[in-house]
């Protein structure tokens, strides 16, 4: 199993925890950002489907059923290899199977972002994405669905964990420290 020397940072966390915000900060440090959810949203567009939570969930479920639990990850890995990228950040890891798929080809650092359910729900209502739940009950249902996919296991196995309950500046400081630490370790 030959390894590509590319460094890949994987970010996991529950919806609204701050994954994309952290990814943007790290992206400013010279990393190309690949969003796992964007791969599913692009398929919805290709298939002429509205990117609702239900449609995106069904598409992701179909990919996992037809291509295996790491199907979405493998699609992202293919994009990375096509572009011959060497400093990559993947936002939206959902399971250990996805982590393992990346480890087959890359040097991986797994980050987990955590925030309380109340904090995450407030953020989700504020960002207003089409596929976001609008009620507390729908939010909790989505959380349970994400956990059923294995998200909790991915979070538990992270190399680094950040609790993101504070202002965005705290997350940015963490991102800068992390990149410096990773560069020292290479």
N, C-alpha and C. Protein backbone atom coordinates (compact mmCIF):
# COMPACT_ATOMS: atom_id res chain seq x y z
N UNK A 1 0.85 -1.18 0.00
CA UNK A 1 0.00 0.00 0.00
C UNK A 1 0.89 1.23 0.00
N UNK A 2 1.19 1.78 -1.16
CA UNK A 2 2.04 2.96 -1.25
C UNK A 2 1.33 4.19 -0.74
N UNK A 3 2.01 5.01 0.01
CA UNK A 3 1.41 6.21 0.57
C UNK A 3 1.76 7.43 -0.25
N UNK A 4 0.78 8.26 -0.46
CA UNK A 4 0.98 9.57 -1.04
C UNK A 4 1.46 10.44 0.12
N UNK A 5 2.43 11.26 -0.09
CA UNK A 5 2.99 12.06 1.00
C UNK A 5 2.13 13.27 1.34
N UNK A 6 1.02 13.45 0.65
CA UNK A 6 0.15 14.60 0.92
C UNK A 6 -0.36 14.55 2.36
N UNK A 7 -0.44 15.73 2.92
CA UNK A 7 -0.97 15.90 4.27
C UNK A 7 -2.45 16.25 4.16
N UNK A 8 -3.29 15.46 4.82
CA UNK A 8 -4.72 15.72 4.79
C UNK A 8 -5.22 15.93 6.22
N UNK A 9 -5.88 17.04 6.43
CA UNK A 9 -6.54 17.30 7.71
C UNK A 9 -8.01 16.99 7.51
N UNK A 10 -8.55 16.15 8.36
CA UNK A 10 -9.97 15.81 8.32
C UNK A 10 -10.65 16.48 9.50
N UNK A 11 -11.82 17.09 9.25
CA UNK A 11 -12.57 17.72 10.34
C UNK A 11 -13.90 17.02 10.50
N UNK A 12 -14.21 16.69 11.76
CA UNK A 12 -15.48 16.06 12.09
C UNK A 12 -16.13 16.84 13.22
N UNK A 13 -17.40 16.63 13.39
CA UNK A 13 -18.15 17.29 14.46
C UNK A 13 -19.62 17.30 14.11
N UNK A 14 -20.44 17.52 15.08
CA UNK A 14 -21.88 17.56 14.87
C UNK A 14 -22.25 18.81 14.06
N UNK A 15 -23.40 18.79 13.40
CA UNK A 15 -23.84 19.97 12.63
C UNK A 15 -23.89 21.22 13.52
N UNK A 16 -23.33 22.31 13.02
CA UNK A 16 -23.34 23.57 13.75
C UNK A 16 -22.23 23.73 14.77
N UNK A 17 -21.32 22.75 14.85
CA UNK A 17 -20.25 22.81 15.86
C UNK A 17 -19.16 23.83 15.50
N UNK A 18 -19.05 24.16 14.22
CA UNK A 18 -18.01 25.11 13.79
C UNK A 18 -17.00 24.51 12.83
N UNK A 19 -17.32 23.36 12.25
CA UNK A 19 -16.39 22.68 11.33
C UNK A 19 -16.00 23.57 10.16
N UNK A 20 -17.00 24.16 9.52
CA UNK A 20 -16.73 24.96 8.32
C UNK A 20 -15.97 26.23 8.67
N UNK A 21 -16.27 26.84 9.80
CA UNK A 21 -15.54 28.03 10.24
C UNK A 21 -14.08 27.67 10.49
N UNK A 22 -13.84 26.55 11.17
CA UNK A 22 -12.46 26.11 11.40
C UNK A 22 -11.78 25.82 10.06
N UNK A 23 -12.49 25.17 9.15
CA UNK A 23 -11.92 24.86 7.83
C UNK A 23 -11.51 26.14 7.11
N UNK A 24 -12.34 27.17 7.18
CA UNK A 24 -12.01 28.43 6.52
C UNK A 24 -10.73 29.04 7.10
N UNK A 25 -10.59 29.01 8.41
CA UNK A 25 -9.38 29.54 9.04
C UNK A 25 -8.14 28.76 8.59
N UNK A 26 -8.24 27.44 8.58
CA UNK A 26 -7.11 26.61 8.16
C UNK A 26 -6.84 26.82 6.66
N UNK A 27 -7.91 26.99 5.89
CA UNK A 27 -7.76 27.27 4.47
C UNK A 27 -6.91 28.51 4.21
N UNK A 28 -7.04 29.50 5.06
CA UNK A 28 -6.23 30.72 4.93
C UNK A 28 -4.75 30.47 5.18
N UNK A 29 -4.45 29.31 5.76
CA UNK A 29 -3.05 28.95 6.02
C UNK A 29 -2.46 28.14 4.86
N UNK A 30 -3.17 28.12 3.73
CA UNK A 30 -2.63 27.48 2.54
C UNK A 30 -3.17 26.09 2.23
N UNK A 31 -4.23 25.68 2.90
CA UNK A 31 -4.84 24.37 2.64
C UNK A 31 -6.02 24.52 1.70
N UNK A 32 -6.14 23.59 0.75
CA UNK A 32 -7.30 23.52 -0.14
C UNK A 32 -8.43 22.82 0.61
N UNK A 33 -9.62 23.40 0.61
CA UNK A 33 -10.75 22.84 1.36
C UNK A 33 -11.64 22.02 0.43
N UNK A 34 -11.90 20.79 0.85
CA UNK A 34 -12.86 19.90 0.17
C UNK A 34 -13.97 19.65 1.19
N UNK A 35 -15.22 19.95 0.81
CA UNK A 35 -16.34 19.77 1.72
C UNK A 35 -17.13 18.52 1.33
N UNK A 36 -17.22 17.56 2.23
CA UNK A 36 -17.92 16.31 1.94
C UNK A 36 -19.39 16.58 1.59
N UNK A 37 -20.02 17.49 2.29
CA UNK A 37 -21.42 17.81 2.01
C UNK A 37 -21.61 18.42 0.63
N UNK A 38 -20.60 19.17 0.16
CA UNK A 38 -20.70 19.76 -1.17
C UNK A 38 -20.77 18.67 -2.24
N UNK A 39 -20.07 17.57 -2.01
CA UNK A 39 -20.12 16.46 -2.97
C UNK A 39 -21.54 15.93 -3.10
N UNK A 40 -22.25 15.86 -1.99
CA UNK A 40 -23.64 15.39 -2.00
C UNK A 40 -24.55 16.46 -2.62
N UNK A 41 -24.32 17.74 -2.28
CA UNK A 41 -25.12 18.83 -2.86
C UNK A 41 -24.94 18.91 -4.37
N UNK A 42 -23.71 18.66 -4.85
CA UNK A 42 -23.46 18.66 -6.30
C UNK A 42 -24.25 17.55 -6.99
N UNK A 43 -24.31 16.38 -6.36
CA UNK A 43 -25.11 15.29 -6.93
C UNK A 43 -26.58 15.67 -6.99
N UNK A 44 -27.08 16.33 -5.96
CA UNK A 44 -28.48 16.77 -5.96
C UNK A 44 -28.72 17.68 -7.16
N UNK A 45 -27.80 18.60 -7.38
CA UNK A 45 -27.92 19.52 -8.52
C UNK A 45 -27.89 18.76 -9.85
N UNK A 46 -26.94 17.84 -9.98
CA UNK A 46 -26.81 17.03 -11.20
C UNK A 46 -28.09 16.24 -11.47
N UNK A 47 -28.71 15.74 -10.40
CA UNK A 47 -29.92 14.93 -10.55
C UNK A 47 -31.18 15.78 -10.59
N UNK A 48 -31.01 17.13 -10.54
CA UNK A 48 -32.17 18.02 -10.61
C UNK A 48 -33.02 18.03 -9.35
N UNK A 49 -32.41 17.76 -8.21
CA UNK A 49 -33.14 17.73 -6.94
C UNK A 49 -32.85 18.98 -6.12
N UNK A 50 -33.85 19.46 -5.42
CA UNK A 50 -33.70 20.58 -4.49
C UNK A 50 -32.82 20.10 -3.33
N UNK A 51 -31.84 20.93 -2.88
CA UNK A 51 -30.95 20.48 -1.80
C UNK A 51 -31.58 20.59 -0.41
N UNK A 52 -32.69 19.88 -0.21
CA UNK A 52 -33.33 19.87 1.10
C UNK A 52 -32.65 18.83 1.98
N UNK A 53 -32.88 18.92 3.26
CA UNK A 53 -32.29 17.95 4.20
C UNK A 53 -32.71 16.54 3.81
N UNK A 54 -33.98 16.36 3.46
CA UNK A 54 -34.47 15.03 3.11
C UNK A 54 -33.78 14.50 1.85
N UNK A 55 -33.71 15.32 0.80
CA UNK A 55 -33.07 14.88 -0.45
C UNK A 55 -31.60 14.58 -0.24
N UNK A 56 -30.88 15.44 0.47
CA UNK A 56 -29.45 15.22 0.70
C UNK A 56 -29.23 13.96 1.52
N UNK A 57 -30.09 13.74 2.51
CA UNK A 57 -29.98 12.53 3.31
C UNK A 57 -30.20 11.28 2.47
N UNK A 58 -31.19 11.33 1.57
CA UNK A 58 -31.46 10.18 0.70
C UNK A 58 -30.31 9.93 -0.27
N UNK A 59 -29.72 11.01 -0.80
CA UNK A 59 -28.59 10.85 -1.72
C UNK A 59 -27.40 10.24 -0.99
N UNK A 60 -27.08 10.75 0.19
CA UNK A 60 -25.95 10.23 0.97
C UNK A 60 -26.20 8.76 1.32
N UNK A 61 -27.43 8.45 1.69
CA UNK A 61 -27.79 7.06 2.02
C UNK A 61 -27.61 6.15 0.80
N UNK A 62 -28.04 6.64 -0.37
CA UNK A 62 -27.90 5.85 -1.60
C UNK A 62 -26.42 5.59 -1.94
N UNK A 63 -25.60 6.63 -1.79
CA UNK A 63 -24.17 6.47 -2.07
C UNK A 63 -23.57 5.42 -1.13
N UNK A 64 -23.91 5.52 0.15
CA UNK A 64 -23.38 4.55 1.12
C UNK A 64 -23.87 3.14 0.83
N UNK A 65 -25.11 3.01 0.41
CA UNK A 65 -25.67 1.69 0.10
C UNK A 65 -25.01 1.10 -1.15
N UNK A 66 -24.82 1.94 -2.19
CA UNK A 66 -24.29 1.45 -3.46
C UNK A 66 -22.76 1.37 -3.50
N UNK A 67 -22.09 2.27 -2.76
CA UNK A 67 -20.63 2.35 -2.85
C UNK A 67 -19.91 2.03 -1.55
N UNK A 68 -20.67 1.73 -0.50
CA UNK A 68 -20.08 1.43 0.80
C UNK A 68 -20.08 2.65 1.71
N UNK A 69 -19.82 2.39 2.98
CA UNK A 69 -19.88 3.46 4.00
C UNK A 69 -18.93 4.62 3.70
N UNK A 70 -17.86 4.36 2.98
CA UNK A 70 -16.89 5.42 2.67
C UNK A 70 -17.07 5.94 1.23
N UNK A 71 -18.23 5.71 0.63
CA UNK A 71 -18.46 6.12 -0.76
C UNK A 71 -18.25 7.60 -1.02
N UNK A 72 -18.77 8.43 -0.14
CA UNK A 72 -18.61 9.88 -0.32
C UNK A 72 -17.14 10.25 -0.15
N UNK A 73 -16.48 9.65 0.83
CA UNK A 73 -15.05 9.91 1.04
C UNK A 73 -14.25 9.53 -0.20
N UNK A 74 -14.55 8.38 -0.78
CA UNK A 74 -13.81 7.93 -1.97
C UNK A 74 -14.01 8.90 -3.13
N UNK A 75 -15.19 9.47 -3.26
CA UNK A 75 -15.43 10.48 -4.31
C UNK A 75 -14.52 11.70 -4.08
N UNK A 76 -14.40 12.11 -2.81
CA UNK A 76 -13.53 13.26 -2.49
C UNK A 76 -12.06 12.90 -2.71
N UNK A 77 -11.67 11.69 -2.36
CA UNK A 77 -10.29 11.24 -2.57
C UNK A 77 -9.95 11.29 -4.06
N UNK A 78 -10.88 10.86 -4.89
CA UNK A 78 -10.68 10.92 -6.34
C UNK A 78 -10.42 12.34 -6.82
N UNK A 79 -11.18 13.29 -6.29
CA UNK A 79 -10.97 14.71 -6.66
C UNK A 79 -9.60 15.20 -6.24
N UNK A 80 -9.19 14.81 -5.04
CA UNK A 80 -7.88 15.24 -4.54
C UNK A 80 -6.78 14.71 -5.44
N UNK A 81 -6.88 13.44 -5.80
CA UNK A 81 -5.86 12.82 -6.65
C UNK A 81 -5.86 13.45 -8.05
N UNK A 82 -7.04 13.75 -8.60
CA UNK A 82 -7.13 14.38 -9.93
C UNK A 82 -6.40 15.72 -9.95
N UNK A 83 -6.53 16.45 -8.86
CA UNK A 83 -5.94 17.80 -8.79
C UNK A 83 -4.50 17.78 -8.29
N UNK A 84 -4.02 16.63 -7.86
CA UNK A 84 -2.66 16.48 -7.33
C UNK A 84 -2.38 17.51 -6.23
N UNK A 85 -3.32 17.63 -5.31
CA UNK A 85 -3.17 18.59 -4.20
C UNK A 85 -2.26 17.99 -3.13
N UNK A 86 -1.55 18.86 -2.41
CA UNK A 86 -0.68 18.32 -1.36
C UNK A 86 -0.95 18.86 0.03
N UNK A 87 -1.74 19.92 0.17
CA UNK A 87 -2.14 20.42 1.50
C UNK A 87 -3.66 20.53 1.48
N UNK A 88 -4.30 19.51 2.00
CA UNK A 88 -5.75 19.39 1.85
C UNK A 88 -6.43 19.34 3.21
N UNK A 89 -7.59 19.96 3.27
CA UNK A 89 -8.44 19.89 4.44
C UNK A 89 -9.80 19.38 3.97
N UNK A 90 -10.31 18.34 4.61
CA UNK A 90 -11.61 17.78 4.25
C UNK A 90 -12.56 18.05 5.41
N UNK A 91 -13.61 18.80 5.10
CA UNK A 91 -14.61 19.22 6.07
C UNK A 91 -15.82 18.30 5.98
N UNK A 92 -16.23 17.70 7.12
CA UNK A 92 -17.47 16.96 7.14
C UNK A 92 -17.36 15.46 7.22
N UNK A 93 -16.30 14.95 7.84
CA UNK A 93 -16.14 13.50 8.03
C UNK A 93 -17.27 13.00 8.94
N UNK A 94 -17.89 11.87 8.55
CA UNK A 94 -19.03 11.34 9.29
C UNK A 94 -18.79 9.99 9.97
N UNK A 95 -17.70 9.30 9.65
CA UNK A 95 -17.53 7.96 10.23
C UNK A 95 -16.06 7.54 10.21
N UNK A 96 -15.76 6.52 10.99
CA UNK A 96 -14.41 5.96 10.99
C UNK A 96 -14.09 5.31 9.65
N UNK A 97 -15.10 4.78 8.96
CA UNK A 97 -14.87 4.20 7.63
C UNK A 97 -14.35 5.26 6.68
N UNK A 98 -14.87 6.47 6.77
CA UNK A 98 -14.39 7.56 5.92
C UNK A 98 -12.96 7.93 6.30
N UNK A 99 -12.68 7.99 7.59
CA UNK A 99 -11.31 8.28 8.06
C UNK A 99 -10.35 7.23 7.50
N UNK A 100 -10.72 5.97 7.64
CA UNK A 100 -9.86 4.87 7.16
C UNK A 100 -9.62 4.96 5.65
N UNK A 101 -10.64 5.36 4.89
CA UNK A 101 -10.48 5.49 3.44
C UNK A 101 -9.40 6.53 3.12
N UNK A 102 -9.39 7.64 3.84
CA UNK A 102 -8.36 8.66 3.62
C UNK A 102 -6.98 8.15 4.05
N UNK A 103 -6.95 7.39 5.13
CA UNK A 103 -5.66 6.87 5.63
C UNK A 103 -5.00 5.90 4.64
N UNK A 104 -5.79 5.30 3.77
CA UNK A 104 -5.22 4.39 2.77
C UNK A 104 -4.30 5.13 1.80
N UNK A 105 -4.54 6.43 1.59
CA UNK A 105 -3.79 7.18 0.58
C UNK A 105 -3.01 8.38 1.11
N UNK A 106 -3.31 8.83 2.32
CA UNK A 106 -2.73 10.08 2.79
C UNK A 106 -2.27 9.99 4.24
N UNK A 107 -1.42 10.94 4.61
CA UNK A 107 -1.07 11.16 6.01
C UNK A 107 -2.22 11.99 6.60
N UNK A 108 -2.89 11.47 7.63
CA UNK A 108 -4.13 12.06 8.12
C UNK A 108 -3.97 12.61 9.52
N UNK A 109 -4.54 13.79 9.74
CA UNK A 109 -4.74 14.35 11.08
C UNK A 109 -6.23 14.60 11.21
N UNK A 110 -6.85 13.99 12.23
CA UNK A 110 -8.29 14.11 12.44
C UNK A 110 -8.57 15.11 13.55
N UNK A 111 -9.35 16.15 13.22
CA UNK A 111 -9.77 17.17 14.19
C UNK A 111 -11.25 17.00 14.48
N UNK A 112 -11.64 17.17 15.73
CA UNK A 112 -13.05 17.17 16.10
C UNK A 112 -13.40 18.51 16.72
N UNK A 113 -14.53 19.06 16.32
CA UNK A 113 -15.03 20.32 16.87
C UNK A 113 -16.29 19.98 17.65
N UNK A 114 -16.34 20.43 18.89
CA UNK A 114 -17.50 20.14 19.74
C UNK A 114 -18.14 21.44 20.21
N UNK A 115 -19.46 21.47 20.22
CA UNK A 115 -20.24 22.55 20.85
C UNK A 115 -21.51 21.92 21.39
N UNK A 116 -22.08 22.51 22.40
CA UNK A 116 -23.29 21.96 23.01
C UNK A 116 -24.45 22.02 22.02
N UNK A 117 -25.45 21.16 22.23
CA UNK A 117 -26.61 21.19 21.33
C UNK A 117 -27.28 22.57 21.26
N UNK A 118 -27.43 23.25 22.39
CA UNK A 118 -28.10 24.57 22.37
C UNK A 118 -27.28 25.57 21.54
N UNK A 119 -25.97 25.56 21.70
CA UNK A 119 -25.11 26.46 20.93
C UNK A 119 -25.22 26.14 19.45
N UNK A 120 -25.17 24.84 19.11
CA UNK A 120 -25.23 24.44 17.71
C UNK A 120 -26.57 24.81 17.08
N UNK A 121 -27.67 24.61 17.81
CA UNK A 121 -28.99 24.94 17.27
C UNK A 121 -29.09 26.44 16.98
N UNK A 122 -28.60 27.27 17.89
CA UNK A 122 -28.62 28.73 17.65
C UNK A 122 -27.82 29.08 16.39
N UNK A 123 -26.66 28.48 16.23
CA UNK A 123 -25.83 28.74 15.05
C UNK A 123 -26.54 28.30 13.76
N UNK A 124 -27.17 27.15 13.83
CA UNK A 124 -27.85 26.61 12.64
C UNK A 124 -29.00 27.53 12.24
N UNK A 125 -29.76 28.01 13.21
CA UNK A 125 -30.85 28.93 12.89
C UNK A 125 -30.31 30.22 12.27
N UNK A 126 -29.16 30.68 12.76
CA UNK A 126 -28.55 31.92 12.26
C UNK A 126 -28.03 31.78 10.83
N UNK A 127 -27.41 30.63 10.51
CA UNK A 127 -26.79 30.49 9.19
C UNK A 127 -27.82 30.28 8.09
N UNK A 128 -28.95 29.66 8.41
CA UNK A 128 -30.06 29.56 7.47
C UNK A 128 -29.80 28.81 6.18
N UNK A 129 -29.04 27.73 6.22
CA UNK A 129 -28.84 26.91 5.02
C UNK A 129 -30.13 26.16 4.69
N UNK A 130 -30.37 25.92 3.40
CA UNK A 130 -31.61 25.27 2.96
C UNK A 130 -31.84 23.91 3.60
N UNK A 131 -30.76 23.18 3.86
CA UNK A 131 -30.92 21.83 4.41
C UNK A 131 -30.88 21.79 5.93
N UNK A 132 -30.88 22.95 6.58
CA UNK A 132 -30.84 22.99 8.04
C UNK A 132 -32.22 22.81 8.66
N UNK A 133 -32.30 22.12 9.80
CA UNK A 133 -33.59 21.98 10.50
C UNK A 133 -34.02 23.32 11.09
N UNK A 134 -35.32 23.53 11.14
CA UNK A 134 -35.85 24.79 11.66
C UNK A 134 -36.46 24.65 13.05
N UNK A 135 -36.72 23.42 13.48
CA UNK A 135 -37.28 23.21 14.81
C UNK A 135 -36.31 22.41 15.66
N UNK A 136 -36.45 22.54 16.96
CA UNK A 136 -35.61 21.80 17.91
C UNK A 136 -35.78 20.29 17.69
N UNK A 137 -37.01 19.84 17.44
CA UNK A 137 -37.28 18.41 17.24
C UNK A 137 -36.57 17.91 15.99
N UNK A 138 -36.64 18.67 14.90
CA UNK A 138 -35.95 18.27 13.67
C UNK A 138 -34.44 18.27 13.86
N UNK A 139 -33.95 19.24 14.62
CA UNK A 139 -32.52 19.33 14.94
C UNK A 139 -32.08 18.06 15.68
N UNK A 140 -32.86 17.65 16.69
CA UNK A 140 -32.51 16.44 17.46
C UNK A 140 -32.58 15.20 16.59
N UNK A 141 -33.57 15.13 15.71
CA UNK A 141 -33.68 13.99 14.78
C UNK A 141 -32.44 13.91 13.88
N UNK A 142 -32.01 15.07 13.39
CA UNK A 142 -30.81 15.11 12.54
C UNK A 142 -29.59 14.65 13.33
N UNK A 143 -29.46 15.11 14.57
CA UNK A 143 -28.34 14.68 15.42
C UNK A 143 -28.33 13.16 15.56
N UNK A 144 -29.50 12.58 15.83
CA UNK A 144 -29.57 11.12 16.00
C UNK A 144 -29.19 10.41 14.70
N UNK A 145 -29.61 10.95 13.57
CA UNK A 145 -29.26 10.35 12.27
C UNK A 145 -27.75 10.41 12.05
N UNK A 146 -27.13 11.55 12.37
CA UNK A 146 -25.68 11.70 12.22
C UNK A 146 -24.94 10.73 13.13
N UNK A 147 -25.41 10.59 14.36
CA UNK A 147 -24.76 9.67 15.29
C UNK A 147 -24.91 8.22 14.84
N UNK A 148 -26.05 7.90 14.22
CA UNK A 148 -26.27 6.54 13.72
C UNK A 148 -25.30 6.20 12.59
N UNK A 149 -24.81 7.22 11.87
CA UNK A 149 -23.84 6.98 10.80
C UNK A 149 -22.44 6.67 11.33
N UNK A 150 -22.23 6.95 12.62
CA UNK A 150 -20.92 6.69 13.21
C UNK A 150 -20.14 7.95 13.53
N UNK A 151 -20.81 9.09 13.49
CA UNK A 151 -20.13 10.36 13.75
C UNK A 151 -19.50 10.41 15.14
N UNK A 152 -20.18 9.86 16.13
CA UNK A 152 -19.64 9.85 17.50
C UNK A 152 -18.31 9.12 17.59
N UNK A 153 -18.17 8.03 16.86
CA UNK A 153 -16.92 7.26 16.86
C UNK A 153 -15.80 8.06 16.21
N UNK A 154 -16.11 8.76 15.14
CA UNK A 154 -15.09 9.59 14.48
C UNK A 154 -14.62 10.70 15.43
N UNK A 155 -15.57 11.31 16.12
CA UNK A 155 -15.23 12.37 17.08
C UNK A 155 -14.35 11.80 18.19
N UNK A 156 -14.71 10.64 18.71
CA UNK A 156 -13.97 10.02 19.81
C UNK A 156 -12.53 9.68 19.43
N UNK A 157 -12.26 9.42 18.17
CA UNK A 157 -10.93 9.00 17.73
C UNK A 157 -10.07 10.16 17.21
N UNK A 158 -10.53 11.39 17.38
CA UNK A 158 -9.81 12.55 16.85
C UNK A 158 -8.42 12.70 17.48
N UNK A 159 -7.48 13.18 16.66
CA UNK A 159 -6.14 13.49 17.15
C UNK A 159 -6.15 14.77 17.99
N UNK A 160 -7.03 15.69 17.64
CA UNK A 160 -7.19 16.95 18.36
C UNK A 160 -8.67 17.22 18.53
N UNK A 161 -9.03 17.78 19.71
CA UNK A 161 -10.43 18.13 20.00
C UNK A 161 -10.47 19.59 20.43
N UNK A 162 -11.39 20.34 19.86
CA UNK A 162 -11.60 21.71 20.32
C UNK A 162 -13.05 21.88 20.74
N UNK A 163 -13.23 22.47 21.91
CA UNK A 163 -14.57 22.81 22.39
C UNK A 163 -14.83 24.22 21.92
N UNK A 164 -15.84 24.39 21.08
CA UNK A 164 -16.11 25.66 20.42
C UNK A 164 -17.39 26.30 20.95
N UNK A 165 -17.31 26.81 22.16
CA UNK A 165 -18.45 27.50 22.76
C UNK A 165 -18.25 29.02 22.77
N UNK A 166 -17.04 29.47 22.46
CA UNK A 166 -16.73 30.89 22.56
C UNK A 166 -16.84 31.62 21.24
N UNK A 167 -16.24 32.81 21.20
CA UNK A 167 -16.28 33.62 19.98
C UNK A 167 -15.40 33.01 18.87
N UNK A 168 -15.67 33.39 17.62
CA UNK A 168 -14.92 32.85 16.48
C UNK A 168 -13.40 33.06 16.60
N UNK A 169 -12.98 34.12 17.27
CA UNK A 169 -11.54 34.40 17.41
C UNK A 169 -10.81 33.25 18.11
N UNK A 170 -11.49 32.59 19.06
CA UNK A 170 -10.87 31.46 19.75
C UNK A 170 -10.57 30.32 18.78
N UNK A 171 -11.49 30.08 17.87
CA UNK A 171 -11.33 29.02 16.87
C UNK A 171 -10.18 29.38 15.92
N UNK A 172 -10.09 30.64 15.57
CA UNK A 172 -9.01 31.09 14.68
C UNK A 172 -7.65 30.92 15.35
N UNK A 173 -7.55 31.26 16.63
CA UNK A 173 -6.29 31.08 17.37
C UNK A 173 -5.90 29.61 17.41
N UNK A 174 -6.88 28.73 17.64
CA UNK A 174 -6.62 27.29 17.64
C UNK A 174 -6.09 26.85 16.28
N UNK A 175 -6.71 27.32 15.21
CA UNK A 175 -6.29 26.93 13.86
C UNK A 175 -4.84 27.32 13.61
N UNK A 176 -4.47 28.52 13.99
CA UNK A 176 -3.08 28.98 13.77
C UNK A 176 -2.09 28.15 14.57
N UNK A 177 -2.43 27.87 15.84
CA UNK A 177 -1.53 27.04 16.67
C UNK A 177 -1.41 25.64 16.11
N UNK A 178 -2.52 25.08 15.65
CA UNK A 178 -2.51 23.74 15.11
C UNK A 178 -1.63 23.64 13.87
N UNK A 179 -1.77 24.58 12.96
CA UNK A 179 -0.98 24.55 11.72
C UNK A 179 0.51 24.66 12.06
N UNK A 180 0.85 25.53 13.00
CA UNK A 180 2.26 25.63 13.41
C UNK A 180 2.76 24.30 13.98
N UNK A 181 1.94 23.65 14.81
CA UNK A 181 2.32 22.36 15.40
C UNK A 181 2.47 21.29 14.32
N UNK A 182 1.56 21.26 13.37
CA UNK A 182 1.64 20.26 12.30
C UNK A 182 2.87 20.49 11.42
N UNK A 183 3.19 21.73 11.16
CA UNK A 183 4.37 22.04 10.34
C UNK A 183 5.66 21.64 11.08
N UNK A 184 5.69 21.80 12.39
CA UNK A 184 6.85 21.38 13.18
C UNK A 184 7.03 19.87 13.14
N UNK A 185 5.89 19.14 13.14
CA UNK A 185 5.94 17.68 13.18
C UNK A 185 6.29 17.04 11.85
N UNK A 186 6.26 17.80 10.76
CA UNK A 186 6.54 17.21 9.44
C UNK A 186 8.00 17.10 9.16
